[in-house]
Structure formats: structure tokens, C-alpha cells
PDB file of N, CA and C in Angstrom:
ATOM      1  N   MET A   1      10.982  45.341   1.742  1.00  0.00           N
ATOM      2  CA  MET A   1      10.033  46.353   1.349  1.00  0.00           C
ATOM      3  C   MET A   1      10.251  47.556   2.273  1.00  0.00           C
ATOM      4  N   PHE A   2      10.325  48.744   1.691  1.00  0.00           N
ATOM      5  CA  PHE A   2      10.562  49.968   2.454  1.00  0.00           C
ATOM      6  C   PHE A   2       9.283  50.795   2.548  1.00  0.00           C
ATOM      7  N   CYS A   3       9.096  51.468   3.686  1.00  0.00           N
ATOM      8  CA  CYS A   3       7.922  52.313   3.923  1.00  0.00           C
ATOM      9  C   CYS A   3       8.041  53.594   3.096  1.00  0.00           C
ATOM     10  N   PRO A   4       6.990  53.979   2.359  1.00  0.00           N
ATOM     11  CA  PRO A   4       7.059  55.217   1.587  1.00  0.00           C
ATOM     12  C   PRO A   4       6.991  56.464   2.482  1.00  0.00           C
ATOM     13  N   GLN A   5       6.546  56.301   3.745  1.00  0.00           N
ATOM     14  CA  GLN A   5       6.397  57.425   4.668  1.00  0.00           C
ATOM     15  C   GLN A   5       7.705  57.737   5.394  1.00  0.00           C
ATOM     16  N   CYS A   6       8.248  56.706   6.080  1.00  0.00           N
ATOM     17  CA  CYS A   6       9.435  56.941   6.908  1.00  0.00           C
ATOM     18  C   CYS A   6      10.702  56.331   6.341  1.00  0.00           C
ATOM     19  N   GLY A   7      10.590  55.445   5.378  1.00  0.00           N
ATOM     20  CA  GLY A   7      11.760  54.861   4.738  1.00  0.00           C
ATOM     21  C   GLY A   7      12.342  53.660   5.458  1.00  0.00           C
ATOM     22  N   LYS A   8      11.720  53.214   6.548  1.00  0.00           N
ATOM     23  CA  LYS A   8      12.227  52.054   7.287  1.00  0.00           C
ATOM     24  C   LYS A   8      11.903  50.768   6.514  1.00  0.00           C
ATOM     25  N   GLU A   9      12.766  49.752   6.710  1.00  0.00           N
ATOM     26  CA  GLU A   9      12.554  48.469   6.045  1.00  0.00           C
ATOM     27  C   GLU A   9      11.548  47.633   6.836  1.00  0.00           C
ATOM     28  N   ASN A  10      10.650  46.976   6.124  1.00  0.00           N
ATOM     29  CA  ASN A  10       9.628  46.115   6.711  1.00  0.00           C
ATOM     30  C   ASN A  10       9.735  44.722   6.111  1.00  0.00           C
ATOM     31  N   GLU A  11       9.014  43.778   6.731  1.00  0.00           N
ATOM     32  CA  GLU A  11       9.003  42.415   6.210  1.00  0.00           C
ATOM     33  C   GLU A  11       8.303  42.386   4.848  1.00  0.00           C
ATOM     34  N   ALA A  12       8.709  41.451   4.017  1.00  0.00           N
ATOM     35  CA  ALA A  12       8.073  41.301   2.710  1.00  0.00           C
ATOM     36  C   ALA A  12       6.618  40.884   2.907  1.00  0.00           C
ATOM     37  N   GLY A  13       5.699  41.499   2.181  1.00  0.00           N
ATOM     38  CA  GLY A  13       4.283  41.186   2.275  1.00  0.00           C
ATOM     39  C   GLY A  13       3.560  41.952   3.366  1.00  0.00           C
ATOM     40  N   ALA A  14       4.261  42.829   4.118  1.00  0.00           N
ATOM     41  CA  ALA A  14       3.604  43.612   5.170  1.00  0.00           C
ATOM     42  C   ALA A  14       2.670  44.640   4.552  1.00  0.00           C
ATOM     43  N   ARG A  15       1.524  44.858   5.199  1.00  0.00           N
ATOM     44  CA  ARG A  15       0.558  45.837   4.701  1.00  0.00           C
ATOM     45  C   ARG A  15       0.750  47.194   5.351  1.00  0.00           C
ATOM     46  N   PHE A  16       1.326  47.206   6.568  1.00  0.00           N
ATOM     47  CA  PHE A  16       1.550  48.455   7.295  1.00  0.00           C
ATOM     48  C   PHE A  16       2.975  48.494   7.799  1.00  0.00           C
ATOM     49  N   CYS A  17       3.521  49.695   7.926  1.00  0.00           N
ATOM     50  CA  CYS A  17       4.876  49.887   8.425  1.00  0.00           C
ATOM     51  C   CYS A  17       4.927  49.528   9.907  1.00  0.00           C
ATOM     52  N   GLY A  18       5.924  48.769  10.296  1.00  0.00           N
ATOM     53  CA  GLY A  18       6.100  48.385  11.690  1.00  0.00           C
ATOM     54  C   GLY A  18       6.625  49.531  12.545  1.00  0.00           C
ATOM     55  N   HIS A  19       7.119  50.609  11.950  1.00  0.00           N
ATOM     56  CA  HIS A  19       7.682  51.736  12.699  1.00  0.00           C
ATOM     57  C   HIS A  19       6.675  52.876  12.848  1.00  0.00           C
ATOM     58  N   CYS A  20       6.074  53.323  11.724  1.00  0.00           N
ATOM     59  CA  CYS A  20       5.166  54.468  11.791  1.00  0.00           C
ATOM     60  C   CYS A  20       3.698  54.095  11.607  1.00  0.00           C
ATOM     61  N   GLY A  21       3.374  52.894  11.145  1.00  0.00           N
ATOM     62  CA  GLY A  21       1.989  52.464  10.983  1.00  0.00           C
ATOM     63  C   GLY A  21       1.364  52.866   9.668  1.00  0.00           C
ATOM     64  N   ALA A  22       2.106  53.513   8.791  1.00  0.00           N
ATOM     65  CA  ALA A  22       1.558  53.934   7.498  1.00  0.00           C
ATOM     66  C   ALA A  22       1.329  52.703   6.611  1.00  0.00           C
ATOM     67  N   ALA A  23       0.394  52.853   5.688  1.00  0.00           N
ATOM     68  CA  ALA A  23       0.120  51.759   4.753  1.00  0.00           C
ATOM     69  C   ALA A  23       1.316  51.588   3.827  1.00  0.00           C
ATOM     70  N   VAL A  24       1.841  50.374   3.784  1.00  0.00           N
ATOM     71  CA  VAL A  24       3.011  50.089   2.962  1.00  0.00           C
ATOM     72  C   VAL A  24       2.586  49.651   1.571  1.00  0.00           C
ATOM     73  N   GLY A  25       1.541  48.891   1.491  1.00  0.00           N
ATOM     74  CA  GLY A  25       1.056  48.414   0.193  1.00  0.00           C
ATOM     75  C   GLY A  25       0.342  47.097   0.368  1.00  0.00           C
ATOM     76  N   GLU A  26      -0.388  46.751  -0.632  1.00  0.00           N
ATOM     77  CA  GLU A  26      -1.134  45.497  -0.629  1.00  0.00           C
ATOM     78  C   GLU A  26      -0.205  44.365  -1.065  1.00  0.00           C
ATOM     79  N   PRO A  27      -0.323  43.198  -0.442  1.00  0.00           N
ATOM     80  CA  PRO A  27       0.468  42.069  -0.938  1.00  0.00           C
ATOM     81  C   PRO A  27       0.004  41.678  -2.333  1.00  0.00           C
ATOM     82  N   ALA A  28       0.895  41.116  -3.084  1.00  0.00           N
ATOM     83  CA  ALA A  28       0.566  40.716  -4.454  1.00  0.00           C
ATOM     84  C   ALA A  28      -0.529  39.650  -4.429  1.00  0.00           C
ATOM     85  N   PRO A  29      -1.520  39.787  -5.318  1.00  0.00           N
ATOM     86  CA  PRO A  29      -2.590  38.774  -5.345  1.00  0.00           C
ATOM     87  C   PRO A  29      -2.040  37.432  -5.812  1.00  0.00           C
ATOM     88  N   GLU A  30      -2.696  36.365  -5.374  1.00  0.00           N
ATOM     89  CA  GLU A  30      -2.290  35.029  -5.803  1.00  0.00           C
ATOM     90  C   GLU A  30      -2.602  34.859  -7.286  1.00  0.00           C
ATOM     91  N   PRO A  31      -1.767  34.122  -7.993  1.00  0.00           N
ATOM     92  CA  PRO A  31      -2.048  33.923  -9.416  1.00  0.00           C
ATOM     93  C   PRO A  31      -3.308  33.084  -9.584  1.00  0.00           C
ATOM     94  N   PRO A  32      -4.060  33.339 -10.652  1.00  0.00           N
ATOM     95  CA  PRO A  32      -5.284  32.554 -10.870  1.00  0.00           C
ATOM     96  C   PRO A  32      -4.927  31.096 -11.120  1.00  0.00           C
ATOM     97  N   PRO A  33      -5.822  30.185 -10.763  1.00  0.00           N
ATOM     98  CA  PRO A  33      -5.540  28.761 -10.998  1.00  0.00           C
ATOM     99  C   PRO A  33      -5.469  28.466 -12.486  1.00  0.00           C
ATOM    100  N   ALA A  34      -4.700  27.453 -12.807  1.00  0.00           N
ATOM    101  CA  ALA A  34      -4.558  27.052 -14.202  1.00  0.00           C
ATOM    102  C   ALA A  34      -5.898  26.519 -14.718  1.00  0.00           C
ATOM    103  N   PRO A  35      -6.210  26.755 -15.988  1.00  0.00           N
ATOM    104  CA  PRO A  35      -7.477  26.246 -16.516  1.00  0.00           C
ATOM    105  C   PRO A  35      -7.475  24.727 -16.557  1.00  0.00           C
ATOM    106  N   GLY A  36      -8.653  24.166 -16.489  1.00  0.00           N
ATOM    107  CA  GLY A  36      -8.776  22.712 -16.537  1.00  0.00           C
ATOM    108  C   GLY A  36      -9.496  22.199 -15.316  1.00  0.00           C
ATOM    109  N   ARG A  37      -9.470  20.901 -15.174  1.00  0.00           N
ATOM    110  CA  ARG A  37     -10.145  20.251 -14.066  1.00  0.00           C
ATOM    111  C   ARG A  37      -9.355  20.478 -12.795  1.00  0.00           C
ATOM    112  N   PRO A  38     -10.025  20.911 -11.701  1.00  0.00           N
ATOM    113  CA  PRO A  38      -9.294  21.085 -10.450  1.00  0.00           C
ATOM    114  C   PRO A  38      -8.859  19.724  -9.897  1.00  0.00           C
ATOM    115  N   VAL A  39      -7.699  19.712  -9.288  1.00  0.00           N
ATOM    116  CA  VAL A  39      -7.151  18.480  -8.746  1.00  0.00           C
ATOM    117  C   VAL A  39      -7.314  18.509  -7.238  1.00  0.00           C
ATOM    118  N   ALA A  40      -7.922  17.478  -6.697  1.00  0.00           N
ATOM    119  CA  ALA A  40      -8.119  17.387  -5.257  1.00  0.00           C
ATOM    120  C   ALA A  40      -6.775  17.118  -4.584  1.00  0.00           C
ATOM    121  N   PRO A  41      -6.590  17.600  -3.352  1.00  0.00           N
ATOM    122  CA  PRO A  41      -5.330  17.339  -2.649  1.00  0.00           C
ATOM    123  C   PRO A  41      -5.105  15.838  -2.485  1.00  0.00           C
ATOM    124  N   GLY A  42      -3.920  15.410  -2.763  1.00  0.00           N
ATOM    125  CA  GLY A  42      -3.574  14.004  -2.625  1.00  0.00           C
ATOM    126  C   GLY A  42      -3.927  13.160  -3.837  1.00  0.00           C
ATOM    127  N   GLU A  43      -4.611  13.737  -4.820  1.00  0.00           N
ATOM    128  CA  GLU A  43      -4.975  12.982  -6.023  1.00  0.00           C
ATOM    129  C   GLU A  43      -3.767  12.930  -6.951  1.00  0.00           C
ATOM    130  N   PRO A  44      -3.375  11.733  -7.403  1.00  0.00           N
ATOM    131  CA  PRO A  44      -2.220  11.661  -8.299  1.00  0.00           C
ATOM    132  C   PRO A  44      -2.552  12.292  -9.645  1.00  0.00           C
ATOM    133  N   VAL A  45      -1.580  12.949 -10.210  1.00  0.00           N
ATOM    134  CA  VAL A  45      -1.751  13.604 -11.501  1.00  0.00           C
ATOM    135  C   VAL A  45      -0.983  12.808 -12.539  1.00  0.00           C
ATOM    136  N   ARG A  46      -1.686  12.362 -13.579  1.00  0.00           N
ATOM    137  CA  ARG A  46      -1.033  11.645 -14.667  1.00  0.00           C
ATOM    138  C   ARG A  46      -0.739  12.626 -15.782  1.00  0.00           C
ATOM    139  N   ILE A  47       0.517  12.707 -16.175  1.00  0.00           N
ATOM    140  CA  ILE A  47       0.913  13.557 -17.281  1.00  0.00           C
ATOM    141  C   ILE A  47       1.288  12.643 -18.431  1.00  0.00           C
ATOM    142  N   VAL A  48       0.598  12.818 -19.537  1.00  0.00           N
ATOM    143  CA  VAL A  48       0.821  11.970 -20.701  1.00  0.00           C
ATOM    144  C   VAL A  48       1.433  12.819 -21.795  1.00  0.00           C
ATOM    145  N   ASP A  49       2.607  12.413 -22.262  1.00  0.00           N
ATOM    146  CA  ASP A  49       3.290  13.123 -23.335  1.00  0.00           C
ATOM    147  C   ASP A  49       3.005  12.394 -24.645  1.00  0.00           C
ATOM    148  N   LEU A  50       2.024  12.903 -25.406  1.00  0.00           N
ATOM    149  CA  LEU A  50       1.645  12.250 -26.653  1.00  0.00           C
ATOM    150  C   LEU A  50       2.589  12.576 -27.801  1.00  0.00           C
ATOM    151  N   SER A  51       3.510  13.539 -27.590  1.00  0.00           N
ATOM    152  CA  SER A  51       4.426  13.885 -28.667  1.00  0.00           C
ATOM    153  C   SER A  51       5.426  12.761 -28.928  1.00  0.00           C
ATOM    154  N   ARG A  52       5.711  11.937 -27.899  1.00  0.00           N
ATOM    155  CA  ARG A  52       6.650  10.841 -28.067  1.00  0.00           C
ATOM    156  C   ARG A  52       5.941   9.499 -28.175  1.00  0.00           C
ATOM    157  N   ALA A  53       4.640   9.537 -28.304  1.00  0.00           N
ATOM    158  CA  ALA A  53       3.867   8.288 -28.317  1.00  0.00           C
ATOM    159  C   ALA A  53       4.062   7.558 -29.639  1.00  0.00           C
ATOM    160  N   GLY A  54       4.262   6.268 -29.524  1.00  0.00           N
ATOM    161  CA  GLY A  54       4.356   5.421 -30.704  1.00  0.00           C
ATOM    162  C   GLY A  54       2.977   4.884 -31.012  1.00  0.00           C
ATOM    163  N   PRO A  55       2.918   3.726 -31.657  1.00  0.00           N
ATOM    164  CA  PRO A  55       1.606   3.128 -31.896  1.00  0.00           C
ATOM    165  C   PRO A  55       0.968   2.729 -30.570  1.00  0.00           C
ATOM    166  N   ALA A  56      -0.360   2.710 -30.539  1.00  0.00           N
ATOM    167  CA  ALA A  56      -1.085   2.402 -29.302  1.00  0.00           C
ATOM    168  C   ALA A  56      -0.638   1.048 -28.763  1.00  0.00           C
ATOM    169  N   VAL A  57      -0.693   0.045 -29.553  1.00  0.00           N
ATOM    170  CA  VAL A  57      -0.189  -1.295 -29.219  1.00  0.00           C
ATOM    171  C   VAL A  57       0.343  -1.919 -30.492  1.00  0.00           C
ATOM    172  N   SER A  58       1.117  -2.958 -30.317  1.00  0.00           N
ATOM    173  CA  SER A  58       1.661  -3.619 -31.505  1.00  0.00           C
ATOM    174  C   SER A  58       0.542  -4.350 -32.239  1.00  0.00           C
ATOM    175  N   PRO A  59       0.673  -4.483 -33.544  1.00  0.00           N
ATOM    176  CA  PRO A  59      -0.351  -5.220 -34.300  1.00  0.00           C
ATOM    177  C   PRO A  59      -0.500  -6.659 -33.822  1.00  0.00           C
ATOM    178  N   GLY A  60       0.600  -7.276 -33.369  1.00  0.00           N
ATOM    179  CA  GLY A  60       0.515  -8.649 -32.869  1.00  0.00           C
ATOM    180  C   GLY A  60      -0.365  -8.755 -31.633  1.00  0.00           C
ATOM    181  N   LEU A  61      -0.233  -7.796 -30.714  1.00  0.00           N
ATOM    182  CA  LEU A  61      -1.066  -7.799 -29.518  1.00  0.00           C
ATOM    183  C   LEU A  61      -2.524  -7.532 -29.876  1.00  0.00           C
ATOM    184  N   LYS A  62      -2.723  -6.614 -30.800  1.00  0.00           N
ATOM    185  CA  LYS A  62      -4.090  -6.275 -31.210  1.00  0.00           C
ATOM    186  C   LYS A  62      -4.839  -7.508 -31.709  1.00  0.00           C
ATOM    187  N   TRP A  63      -4.237  -8.224 -32.630  1.00  0.00           N
ATOM    188  CA  TRP A  63      -4.909  -9.399 -33.201  1.00  0.00           C
ATOM    189  C   TRP A  63      -4.816 -10.614 -32.284  1.00  0.00           C
ATOM    190  N   GLY A  64      -3.784 -10.661 -31.453  1.00  0.00           N
ATOM    191  CA  GLY A  64      -3.660 -11.765 -30.514  1.00  0.00           C
ATOM    192  C   GLY A  64      -4.771 -11.779 -29.478  1.00  0.00           C
ATOM    193  N   VAL A  65      -5.148 -10.605 -28.992  1.00  0.00           N
ATOM    194  CA  VAL A  65      -6.238 -10.526 -28.018  1.00  0.00           C
ATOM    195  C   VAL A  65      -7.561 -10.884 -28.682  1.00  0.00           C
ATOM    196  N   ILE A  66      -7.752 -10.467 -29.910  1.00  0.00           N
ATOM    197  CA  ILE A  66      -8.989 -10.834 -30.618  1.00  0.00           C
ATOM    198  C   ILE A  66      -9.039 -12.349 -30.832  1.00  0.00           C
ATOM    199  N   ALA A  67      -7.918 -12.952 -31.210  1.00  0.00           N
ATOM    200  CA  ALA A  67      -7.893 -14.404 -31.402  1.00  0.00           C
ATOM    201  C   ALA A  67      -8.118 -15.130 -30.077  1.00  0.00           C
ATOM    202  N   ALA A  68      -7.510 -14.641 -29.005  1.00  0.00           N
ATOM    203  CA  ALA A  68      -7.704 -15.266 -27.691  1.00  0.00           C
ATOM    204  C   ALA A  68      -9.151 -15.118 -27.235  1.00  0.00           C
ATOM    205  N   SER A  69      -9.806 -14.048 -27.653  1.00  0.00           N
ATOM    206  CA  SER A  69     -11.202 -13.825 -27.270  1.00  0.00           C
ATOM    207  C   SER A  69     -12.131 -14.863 -27.874  1.00  0.00           C
ATOM    208  N   VAL A  70     -11.741 -15.442 -28.996  1.00  0.00           N
ATOM    209  CA  VAL A  70     -12.576 -16.476 -29.614  1.00  0.00           C
ATOM    210  C   VAL A  70     -12.592 -17.717 -28.733  1.00  0.00           C
ATOM    211  N   VAL A  71     -11.452 -18.042 -28.144  1.00  0.00           N
ATOM    212  CA  VAL A  71     -11.360 -19.220 -27.288  1.00  0.00           C
ATOM    213  C   VAL A  71     -11.795 -18.877 -25.858  1.00  0.00           C
ATOM    214  N   PHE A  72     -11.296 -17.760 -25.328  1.00  0.00           N
ATOM    215  CA  PHE A  72     -11.609 -17.321 -23.965  1.00  0.00           C
ATOM    216  C   PHE A  72     -12.147 -15.888 -24.023  1.00  0.00           C
ATOM    217  N   PRO A  73     -13.443 -15.710 -24.160  1.00  0.00           N
ATOM    218  CA  PRO A  73     -14.006 -14.365 -24.295  1.00  0.00           C
ATOM    219  C   PRO A  73     -13.688 -13.440 -23.121  1.00  0.00           C
ATOM    220  N   ILE A  74     -13.434 -14.008 -21.953  1.00  0.00           N
ATOM    221  CA  ILE A  74     -13.135 -13.174 -20.788  1.00  0.00           C
ATOM    222  C   ILE A  74     -11.824 -12.405 -20.995  1.00  0.00           C
ATOM    223  N   VAL A  75     -10.911 -12.949 -21.808  1.00  0.00           N
ATOM    224  CA  VAL A  75      -9.659 -12.249 -22.107  1.00  0.00           C
ATOM    225  C   VAL A  75      -9.959 -10.945 -22.840  1.00  0.00           C
ATOM    226  N   GLY A  76     -10.793 -11.021 -23.851  1.00  0.00           N
ATOM    227  CA  GLY A  76     -11.135  -9.813 -24.613  1.00  0.00           C
ATOM    228  C   GLY A  76     -11.868  -8.796 -23.774  1.00  0.00           C
ATOM    229  N   MET A  77     -12.802  -9.290 -22.950  1.00  0.00           N
ATOM    230  CA  MET A  77     -13.552  -8.338 -22.114  1.00  0.00           C
ATOM    231  C   MET A  77     -12.647  -7.722 -21.049  1.00  0.00           C
ATOM    232  N   GLY A  78     -11.754  -8.521 -20.475  1.00  0.00           N
ATOM    233  CA  GLY A  78     -10.843  -8.000 -19.451  1.00  0.00           C
ATOM    234  C   GLY A  78      -9.863  -6.988 -20.017  1.00  0.00           C
ATOM    235  N   MET A  79      -9.208  -7.351 -21.116  1.00  0.00           N
ATOM    236  CA  MET A  79      -8.256  -6.420 -21.745  1.00  0.00           C
ATOM    237  C   MET A  79      -8.980  -5.183 -22.264  1.00  0.00           C
ATOM    238  N   GLY A  80     -10.186  -5.394 -22.785  1.00  0.00           N
ATOM    239  CA  GLY A  80     -10.957  -4.255 -23.278  1.00  0.00           C
ATOM    240  C   GLY A  80     -11.302  -3.282 -22.174  1.00  0.00           C
ATOM    241  N   LEU A  81     -11.751  -3.803 -21.040  1.00  0.00           N
ATOM    242  CA  LEU A  81     -12.071  -2.912 -19.913  1.00  0.00           C
ATOM    243  C   LEU A  81     -10.830  -2.201 -19.406  1.00  0.00           C
ATOM    244  N   TYR A  82      -9.714  -2.918 -19.350  1.00  0.00           N
ATOM    245  CA  TYR A  82      -8.472  -2.296 -18.884  1.00  0.00           C
ATOM    246  C   TYR A  82      -8.068  -1.135 -19.791  1.00  0.00           C
ATOM    247  N   TYR A  83      -8.046  -1.373 -21.093  1.00  0.00           N
ATOM    248  CA  TYR A  83      -7.651  -0.312 -22.023  1.00  0.00           C
ATOM    249  C   TYR A  83      -8.711   0.781 -22.114  1.00  0.00           C
ATOM    250  N   TRP A  84      -9.955   0.433 -21.931  1.00  0.00           N
ATOM    251  CA  TRP A  84     -11.043   1.408 -21.984  1.00  0.00           C
ATOM    252  C   TRP A  84     -10.948   2.364 -20.801  1.00  0.00           C
ATOM    253  N   MET A  85     -10.703   1.817 -19.604  1.00  0.00           N
ATOM    254  CA  MET A  85     -10.682   2.649 -18.393  1.00  0.00           C
ATOM    255  C   MET A  85      -9.378   3.418 -18.226  1.00  0.00           C
ATOM    256  N   ARG A  86      -8.287   2.926 -18.754  1.00  0.00           N
ATOM    257  CA  ARG A  86      -6.990   3.574 -18.559  1.00  0.00           C
ATOM    258  C   ARG A  86      -6.438   4.119 -19.879  1.00  0.00           C
ATOM    259  N   ALA A  87      -7.319   4.560 -20.745  1.00  0.00           N
ATOM    260  CA  ALA A  87      -6.897   5.039 -22.068  1.00  0.00           C
ATOM    261  C   ALA A  87      -6.029   6.277 -21.928  1.00  0.00           C
ATOM    262  N   GLU A  88      -4.884   6.245 -22.585  1.00  0.00           N
ATOM    263  CA  GLU A  88      -3.981   7.385 -22.610  1.00  0.00           C
ATOM    264  C   GLU A  88      -4.029   8.102 -23.953  1.00  0.00           C
ATOM    265  N   SER A  89      -4.781   7.544 -24.872  1.00  0.00           N
ATOM    266  CA  SER A  89      -4.904   8.155 -26.187  1.00  0.00           C
ATOM    267  C   SER A  89      -6.219   7.687 -26.804  1.00  0.00           C
ATOM    268  N   PRO A  90      -6.706   8.405 -27.795  1.00  0.00           N
ATOM    269  CA  PRO A  90      -7.945   7.984 -28.469  1.00  0.00           C
ATOM    270  C   PRO A  90      -7.815   6.607 -29.118  1.00  0.00           C
ATOM    271  N   GLU A  91      -6.602   6.258 -29.595  1.00  0.00           N
ATOM    272  CA  GLU A  91      -6.415   4.949 -30.225  1.00  0.00           C
ATOM    273  C   GLU A  91      -6.600   3.824 -29.213  1.00  0.00           C
ATOM    274  N   LYS A  92      -6.049   4.000 -27.993  1.00  0.00           N
ATOM    275  CA  LYS A  92      -6.191   2.958 -26.970  1.00  0.00           C
ATOM    276  C   LYS A  92      -7.636   2.866 -26.493  1.00  0.00           C
ATOM    277  N   LEU A  93      -8.332   3.975 -26.447  1.00  0.00           N
ATOM    278  CA  LEU A  93      -9.741   3.952 -26.069  1.00  0.00           C
ATOM    279  C   LEU A  93     -10.545   3.149 -27.083  1.00  0.00           C
ATOM    280  N   ALA A  94     -10.328   3.422 -28.367  1.00  0.00           N
ATOM    281  CA  ALA A  94     -11.045   2.687 -29.422  1.00  0.00           C
ATOM    282  C   ALA A  94     -10.681   1.210 -29.399  1.00  0.00           C
ATOM    283  N   LEU A  95      -9.418   0.897 -29.153  1.00  0.00           N
ATOM    284  CA  LEU A  95      -8.985  -0.494 -29.108  1.00  0.00           C
ATOM    285  C   LEU A  95      -9.611  -1.214 -27.921  1.00  0.00           C
ATOM    286  N   GLY A  96      -9.688  -0.543 -26.776  1.00  0.00           N
ATOM    287  CA  GLY A  96     -10.315  -1.144 -25.605  1.00  0.00           C
ATOM    288  C   GLY A  96     -11.783  -1.455 -25.848  1.00  0.00           C
ATOM    289  N   LYS A  97     -12.483  -0.534 -26.471  1.00  0.00           N
ATOM    290  CA  LYS A  97     -13.896  -0.777 -26.790  1.00  0.00           C
ATOM    291  C   LYS A  97     -14.037  -1.939 -27.766  1.00  0.00           C
ATOM    292  N   THR A  98     -13.157  -2.000 -28.771  1.00  0.00           N
ATOM    293  CA  THR A  98     -13.221  -3.089 -29.750  1.00  0.00           C
ATOM    294  C   THR A  98     -13.026  -4.428 -29.065  1.00  0.00           C
ATOM    295  N   TRP A  99     -11.976  -4.555 -28.239  1.00  0.00           N
ATOM    296  CA  TRP A  99     -11.716  -5.822 -27.558  1.00  0.00           C
ATOM    297  C   TRP A  99     -12.887  -6.215 -26.656  1.00  0.00           C
ATOM    298  N   PHE A 100     -13.430  -5.232 -25.927  1.00  0.00           N
ATOM    299  CA  PHE A 100     -14.529  -5.542 -25.018  1.00  0.00           C
ATOM    300  C   PHE A 100     -15.742  -6.080 -25.779  1.00  0.00           C
ATOM    301  N   PHE A 101     -16.115  -5.391 -26.840  1.00  0.00           N
ATOM    302  CA  PHE A 101     -17.319  -5.797 -27.568  1.00  0.00           C
ATOM    303  C   PHE A 101     -17.109  -7.084 -28.373  1.00  0.00           C
ATOM    304  N   VAL A 102     -15.881  -7.356 -28.817  1.00  0.00           N
ATOM    305  CA  VAL A 102     -15.609  -8.643 -29.460  1.00  0.00           C
ATOM    306  C   VAL A 102     -15.777  -9.757 -28.435  1.00  0.00           C
ATOM    307  N   GLY A 103     -15.199  -9.585 -27.249  1.00  0.00           N
ATOM    308  CA  GLY A 103     -15.346 -10.590 -26.197  1.00  0.00           C
ATOM    309  C   GLY A 103     -16.795 -10.774 -25.785  1.00  0.00           C
ATOM    310  N   LEU A 104     -17.529  -9.693 -25.682  1.00  0.00           N
ATOM    311  CA  LEU A 104     -18.945  -9.771 -25.323  1.00  0.00           C
ATOM    312  C   LEU A 104     -19.748 -10.474 -26.423  1.00  0.00           C
ATOM    313  N   GLY A 105     -19.446 -10.146 -27.670  1.00  0.00           N
ATOM    314  CA  GLY A 105     -20.145 -10.782 -28.794  1.00  0.00           C
ATOM    315  C   GLY A 105     -19.890 -12.274 -28.849  1.00  0.00           C
ATOM    316  N   ILE A 106     -18.639 -12.670 -28.633  1.00  0.00           N
ATOM    317  CA  ILE A 106     -18.315 -14.099 -28.635  1.00  0.00           C
ATOM    318  C   ILE A 106     -19.022 -14.796 -27.470  1.00  0.00           C
ATOM    319  N   THR A 107     -19.111 -14.142 -26.313  1.00  0.00           N
ATOM    320  CA  THR A 107     -19.812 -14.717 -25.163  1.00  0.00           C
ATOM    321  C   THR A 107     -21.281 -14.940 -25.490  1.00  0.00           C
ATOM    322  N   VAL A 108     -21.918 -13.964 -26.094  1.00  0.00           N
ATOM    323  CA  VAL A 108     -23.334 -14.097 -26.468  1.00  0.00           C
ATOM    324  C   VAL A 108     -23.495 -15.211 -27.497  1.00  0.00           C
ATOM    325  N   PHE A 109     -22.570 -15.276 -28.455  1.00  0.00           N
ATOM    326  CA  PHE A 109     -22.627 -16.332 -29.467  1.00  0.00           C
ATOM    327  C   PHE A 109     -22.525 -17.711 -28.827  1.00  0.00           C
ATOM    328  N   TYR A 110     -21.558 -17.883 -27.902  1.00  0.00           N
ATOM    329  CA  TYR A 110     -21.413 -19.169 -27.217  1.00  0.00           C
ATOM    330  C   TYR A 110     -22.645 -19.494 -26.390  1.00  0.00           C
ATOM    331  N   PHE A 111     -23.228 -18.483 -25.757  1.00  0.00           N
ATOM    332  CA  PHE A 111     -24.438 -18.706 -24.964  1.00  0.00           C
ATOM    333  C   PHE A 111     -25.578 -19.192 -25.847  1.00  0.00           C
ATOM    334  N   LEU A 112     -25.784 -18.525 -26.974  1.00  0.00           N
ATOM    335  CA  LEU A 112     -26.851 -18.934 -27.887  1.00  0.00           C
ATOM    336  C   LEU A 112     -26.583 -20.310 -28.491  1.00  0.00           C
ATOM    337  N   LEU A 113     -25.324 -20.594 -28.770  1.00  0.00           N
ATOM    338  CA  LEU A 113     -24.948 -21.891 -29.323  1.00  0.00           C
ATOM    339  C   LEU A 113     -25.181 -23.002 -28.301  1.00  0.00           C
ATOM    340  N   GLY A 114     -24.921 -22.715 -27.031  1.00  0.00           N
ATOM    341  CA  GLY A 114     -25.063 -23.718 -25.980  1.00  0.00           C
ATOM    342  C   GLY A 114     -26.499 -23.948 -25.549  1.00  0.00           C
ATOM    343  N   THR A 115     -27.381 -22.990 -25.774  1.00  0.00           N
ATOM    344  CA  THR A 115     -28.773 -23.149 -25.341  1.00  0.00           C
ATOM    345  C   THR A 115     -29.671 -23.714 -26.435  1.00  0.00           C
ATOM    346  N   GLU A 116     -29.075 -24.074 -27.580  1.00  0.00           N
ATOM    347  CA  GLU A 116     -29.871 -24.613 -28.682  1.00  0.00           C
ATOM    348  C   GLU A 116     -30.450 -25.959 -28.267  1.00  0.00           C
ATOM    349  N   GLN A 117     -31.715 -26.140 -28.472  1.00  0.00           N
ATOM    350  CA  GLN A 117     -32.402 -27.379 -28.063  1.00  0.00           C
ATOM    351  C   GLN A 117     -32.390 -28.356 -29.225  1.00  0.00           C
ATOM    352  N   TYR A 118     -32.090 -29.591 -28.938  1.00  0.00           N
ATOM    353  CA  TYR A 118     -32.057 -30.617 -29.977  1.00  0.00           C
ATOM    354  C   TYR A 118     -33.338 -31.365 -30.030  1.00  0.00           C
TER     355      TYR A 118
END
């Protein structure tokens, strides 16, 4: 950066000339932050590319977890919570909720079935 007064070269970003003291110019303002949620320092950033996304899960896994939930309801609730909390797409979010509530429903059903008095 050159001084408009004396023509001497100064360091980049200098506000005043180091030779004559004249105002050289204001440093360029920082660019505004990108829109969206601010990211805390050290927080990992997950970038999800939905343009290459295939189906949320295979149909076999979808129905397999529901079938396993009938025998072991904790499987449905566990997989449901996992997909619910780590959803990368609306389809996985809906699938996680479905698995969770199927597992919860089967648990309530087993509880009611087991508490029946004879």
C-alpha cells in the first residue's frame, strides 16, 4: 500500500503512513458472517449432502426393526432414538419416530398383558 501524500510504501492494512504520518486509508472491513446458526469454537460441523442421498434405509432394515420390536421392544426404542436424534434427512427422522413409538407401544401392550389378573 502506498501513501497518497508522500508516495512511500507502507505495510498492508496500515492506517497511517510510517514516513509522513498521513492517513493512508481504512483497513477493509471484515466480511459479514454467513447466515445460519453460529458455530461455537471447537464444535464439529456436520455437512450433509442430500443431493447424493439414496433411500433413508433399506426396506429390509425398516421392517426388520419393526419385527424385532415385537419380540424385543427395546430394539425399536433404541434404534428409534438413534435415528430420531441423529436424523440427516426428514425420512430418517420420521423413521426414527415410527420405530420408537412402535417399540413403546409394544412395551405398553406387554405390560398390560402381563398385569392382567386371573
